[in-house]
Structure formats: C-alpha cells, structure tokens
Amino acid sequence: MKLDISDIEHIATLARLHLTDEEKERYADQLSAVFDYIGMLDEVDTTGVAETCQVTGLEDVVREDVASECDEETRKKIIAQFPAKVGNLLKVKAVFTAE
C-alpha cells in the first residue's frame, strides 16, 4: 500500500503532529513499507487456527463491589478526613464539564 504525502498530512493532522516536508517524505516511505509487510499477512491461510487473545494464561481477578456498613463513629471519622465535602459527601473535581 503506497501512501502519498496527502495521506501523511491527514495522519499528521489527526495526530496533531507538525511535520516538515522531509519528514512527510520519509514517513510516506516508511509507513508504506510497514503496510506492505502487514499486507503479506493477508496471504497466510489461517483456517483451522484458533483465536489467541492472550498467551500468558493469566486471568483477570475481580471481586464484586459490595458496600459494607460501618458504625456511626467510624463513618464520622472518615467524613472528617475529606479534604472537601458537601454535606456528608466527598467533593471531587469535575471530570466532565458542560460546554
């Protein structure tokens, strides 16, 4: 797959990269070579080959998120340590803002 300068400029725009003309030429050649190499994988017959998601045998270990009750004294001590609060709730910085 041969990439031209306009393809590299488009990719650079998406990645918010500022490239010189020399870099655009170099990356067009390099990425074209990489895509050509990856294209060879299309020629490999993979029928009968099982999918491999991971090879280490490790499994994700998760636990169910269960709220547990605590006595009122412990609860008050925890709330007293909040750096910022609204009532009895921990106040945190906004993650999403309305624009």
C-alpha atoms as a PDB file:
ATOM      1  CA  MET A   1       0.000   0.000   0.000  1.00  0.00           C
ATOM      2  CA  LYS A   2       1.656   3.164  -1.175  1.00  0.00           C
ATOM      3  CA  LEU A   3       0.921   6.242   0.937  1.00  0.00           C
ATOM      4  CA  ASP A   4       1.323   9.661  -0.608  1.00  0.00           C
ATOM      5  CA  ILE A   5       2.059  12.985   1.035  1.00  0.00           C
ATOM      6  CA  SER A   6      -1.643  13.839   1.401  1.00  0.00           C
ATOM      7  CA  ASP A   7      -2.159  10.604   3.401  1.00  0.00           C
ATOM      8  CA  ILE A   8       0.728  11.522   5.695  1.00  0.00           C
ATOM      9  CA  GLU A   9      -0.610  15.052   6.094  1.00  0.00           C
ATOM     10  CA  HIS A  10      -4.020  13.641   7.032  1.00  0.00           C
ATOM     11  CA  ILE A  11      -2.485  11.254   9.582  1.00  0.00           C
ATOM     12  CA  ALA A  12      -0.342  14.076  10.979  1.00  0.00           C
ATOM     13  CA  THR A  13      -3.433  16.264  11.335  1.00  0.00           C
ATOM     14  CA  LEU A  14      -5.286  13.522  13.198  1.00  0.00           C
ATOM     15  CA  ALA A  15      -2.273  13.003  15.470  1.00  0.00           C
ATOM     16  CA  ARG A  16      -1.759  16.768  15.788  1.00  0.00           C
ATOM     17  CA  LEU A  17       1.803  16.495  14.538  1.00  0.00           C
ATOM     18  CA  HIS A  18       3.650  19.231  12.720  1.00  0.00           C
ATOM     19  CA  LEU A  19       5.902  17.622  10.108  1.00  0.00           C
ATOM     20  CA  THR A  20       8.471  19.095   7.792  1.00  0.00           C
ATOM     21  CA  ASP A  21       8.365  18.243   4.085  1.00  0.00           C
ATOM     22  CA  GLU A  22      11.371  15.966   4.604  1.00  0.00           C
ATOM     23  CA  GLU A  23       9.593  14.111   7.425  1.00  0.00           C
ATOM     24  CA  LYS A  24       6.466  13.710   5.292  1.00  0.00           C
ATOM     25  CA  GLU A  25       8.512  12.086   2.520  1.00  0.00           C
ATOM     26  CA  ARG A  26      10.359   9.825   4.948  1.00  0.00           C
ATOM     27  CA  TYR A  27       7.183   8.754   6.777  1.00  0.00           C
ATOM     28  CA  ALA A  28       5.369   8.094   3.495  1.00  0.00           C
ATOM     29  CA  ASP A  29       8.131   5.657   2.502  1.00  0.00           C
ATOM     30  CA  GLN A  30       8.428   4.069   5.960  1.00  0.00           C
ATOM     31  CA  LEU A  31       4.693   3.643   6.570  1.00  0.00           C
ATOM     32  CA  SER A  32       4.207   2.295   3.055  1.00  0.00           C
ATOM     33  CA  ALA A  33       6.854  -0.348   3.749  1.00  0.00           C
ATOM     34  CA  VAL A  34       5.207  -1.265   7.052  1.00  0.00           C
ATOM     35  CA  PHE A  35       1.764  -1.575   5.432  1.00  0.00           C
ATOM     36  CA  ASP A  36       3.214  -3.672   2.596  1.00  0.00           C
ATOM     37  CA  TYR A  37       4.752  -6.015   5.153  1.00  0.00           C
ATOM     38  CA  ILE A  38       1.476  -6.240   7.090  1.00  0.00           C
ATOM     39  CA  GLY A  39      -0.302  -6.871   3.791  1.00  0.00           C
ATOM     40  CA  MET A  40       1.653 -10.110   3.433  1.00  0.00           C
ATOM     41  CA  LEU A  41      -0.395 -11.444   6.357  1.00  0.00           C
ATOM     42  CA  ASP A  42      -3.444 -11.453   4.083  1.00  0.00           C
ATOM     43  CA  GLU A  43      -1.768 -14.254   2.132  1.00  0.00           C
ATOM     44  CA  VAL A  44      -1.438 -16.523   5.179  1.00  0.00           C
ATOM     45  CA  ASP A  45      -4.023 -19.313   5.406  1.00  0.00           C
ATOM     46  CA  THR A  46      -5.422 -19.179   8.943  1.00  0.00           C
ATOM     47  CA  THR A  47      -8.306 -21.600   8.520  1.00  0.00           C
ATOM     48  CA  GLY A  48      -8.352 -24.003  11.422  1.00  0.00           C
ATOM     49  CA  VAL A  49      -6.213 -21.753  13.615  1.00  0.00           C
ATOM     50  CA  ALA A  50      -7.855 -20.915  16.927  1.00  0.00           C
ATOM     51  CA  GLU A  51      -8.023 -17.312  18.089  1.00  0.00           C
ATOM     52  CA  THR A  52      -5.441 -16.281  20.632  1.00  0.00           C
ATOM     53  CA  CYS A  53      -6.486 -13.446  22.906  1.00  0.00           C
ATOM     54  CA  GLN A  54      -3.530 -13.764  25.235  1.00  0.00           C
ATOM     55  CA  VAL A  55      -0.836 -16.347  25.805  1.00  0.00           C
ATOM     56  CA  THR A  56       0.228 -15.958  29.436  1.00  0.00           C
ATOM     57  CA  GLY A  57      -2.631 -17.952  30.957  1.00  0.00           C
ATOM     58  CA  LEU A  58      -3.275 -15.136  33.414  1.00  0.00           C
ATOM     59  CA  GLU A  59      -6.858 -14.298  34.227  1.00  0.00           C
ATOM     60  CA  ASP A  60      -8.426 -11.086  35.365  1.00  0.00           C
ATOM     61  CA  VAL A  61      -9.096 -11.267  39.083  1.00  0.00           C
ATOM     62  CA  VAL A  62     -12.005  -9.128  40.110  1.00  0.00           C
ATOM     63  CA  ARG A  63     -14.240  -9.021  43.095  1.00  0.00           C
ATOM     64  CA  GLU A  64     -17.813  -7.972  43.376  1.00  0.00           C
ATOM     65  CA  ASP A  65     -18.168  -4.382  44.540  1.00  0.00           C
ATOM     66  CA  VAL A  66     -20.127  -4.691  47.761  1.00  0.00           C
ATOM     67  CA  ALA A  67     -20.872  -1.814  50.108  1.00  0.00           C
ATOM     68  CA  SER A  68     -20.415  -2.701  53.759  1.00  0.00           C
ATOM     69  CA  GLU A  69     -21.947  -0.998  56.746  1.00  0.00           C
ATOM     70  CA  CYS A  70     -19.832   0.660  59.410  1.00  0.00           C
ATOM     71  CA  ASP A  71     -20.707   2.155  62.741  1.00  0.00           C
ATOM     72  CA  GLU A  72     -21.597   5.858  63.031  1.00  0.00           C
ATOM     73  CA  GLU A  73     -18.344   6.771  64.847  1.00  0.00           C
ATOM     74  CA  THR A  74     -16.160   5.271  62.086  1.00  0.00           C
ATOM     75  CA  ARG A  75     -18.304   6.973  59.447  1.00  0.00           C
ATOM     76  CA  LYS A  76     -17.887  10.374  61.118  1.00  0.00           C
ATOM     77  CA  LYS A  77     -14.096   9.890  61.365  1.00  0.00           C
ATOM     78  CA  ILE A  78     -13.890   9.090  57.672  1.00  0.00           C
ATOM     79  CA  ILE A  79     -16.050  12.063  56.667  1.00  0.00           C
ATOM     80  CA  ALA A  80     -13.962  14.344  58.898  1.00  0.00           C
ATOM     81  CA  GLN A  81     -10.882  13.438  56.827  1.00  0.00           C
ATOM     82  CA  PHE A  82     -12.432  14.502  53.496  1.00  0.00           C
ATOM     83  CA  PRO A  83     -10.387  17.381  52.037  1.00  0.00           C
ATOM     84  CA  ALA A  84     -13.597  18.927  50.643  1.00  0.00           C
ATOM     85  CA  LYS A  85     -17.175  17.908  51.244  1.00  0.00           C
ATOM     86  CA  VAL A  86     -20.765  18.804  50.557  1.00  0.00           C
ATOM     87  CA  GLY A  87     -22.870  17.652  53.471  1.00  0.00           C
ATOM     88  CA  ASN A  88     -21.670  14.121  54.176  1.00  0.00           C
ATOM     89  CA  LEU A  89     -20.409  13.560  50.625  1.00  0.00           C
ATOM     90  CA  LEU A  90     -16.836  13.770  49.348  1.00  0.00           C
ATOM     91  CA  LYS A  91     -16.486  16.651  46.868  1.00  0.00           C
ATOM     92  CA  VAL A  92     -14.178  15.933  43.928  1.00  0.00           C
ATOM     93  CA  LYS A  93     -13.073  17.907  40.887  1.00  0.00           C
ATOM     94  CA  ALA A  94     -15.397  17.694  37.888  1.00  0.00           C
ATOM     95  CA  VAL A  95     -14.442  15.069  35.334  1.00  0.00           C
ATOM     96  CA  PHE A  96     -16.860  16.215  32.662  1.00  0.00           C
ATOM     97  CA  THR A  97     -17.844  19.802  32.117  1.00  0.00           C
ATOM     98  CA  ALA A  98     -20.789  21.181  30.199  1.00  0.00           C
ATOM     99  CA  GLU A  99     -19.747  23.410  27.346  1.00  0.00           C
END
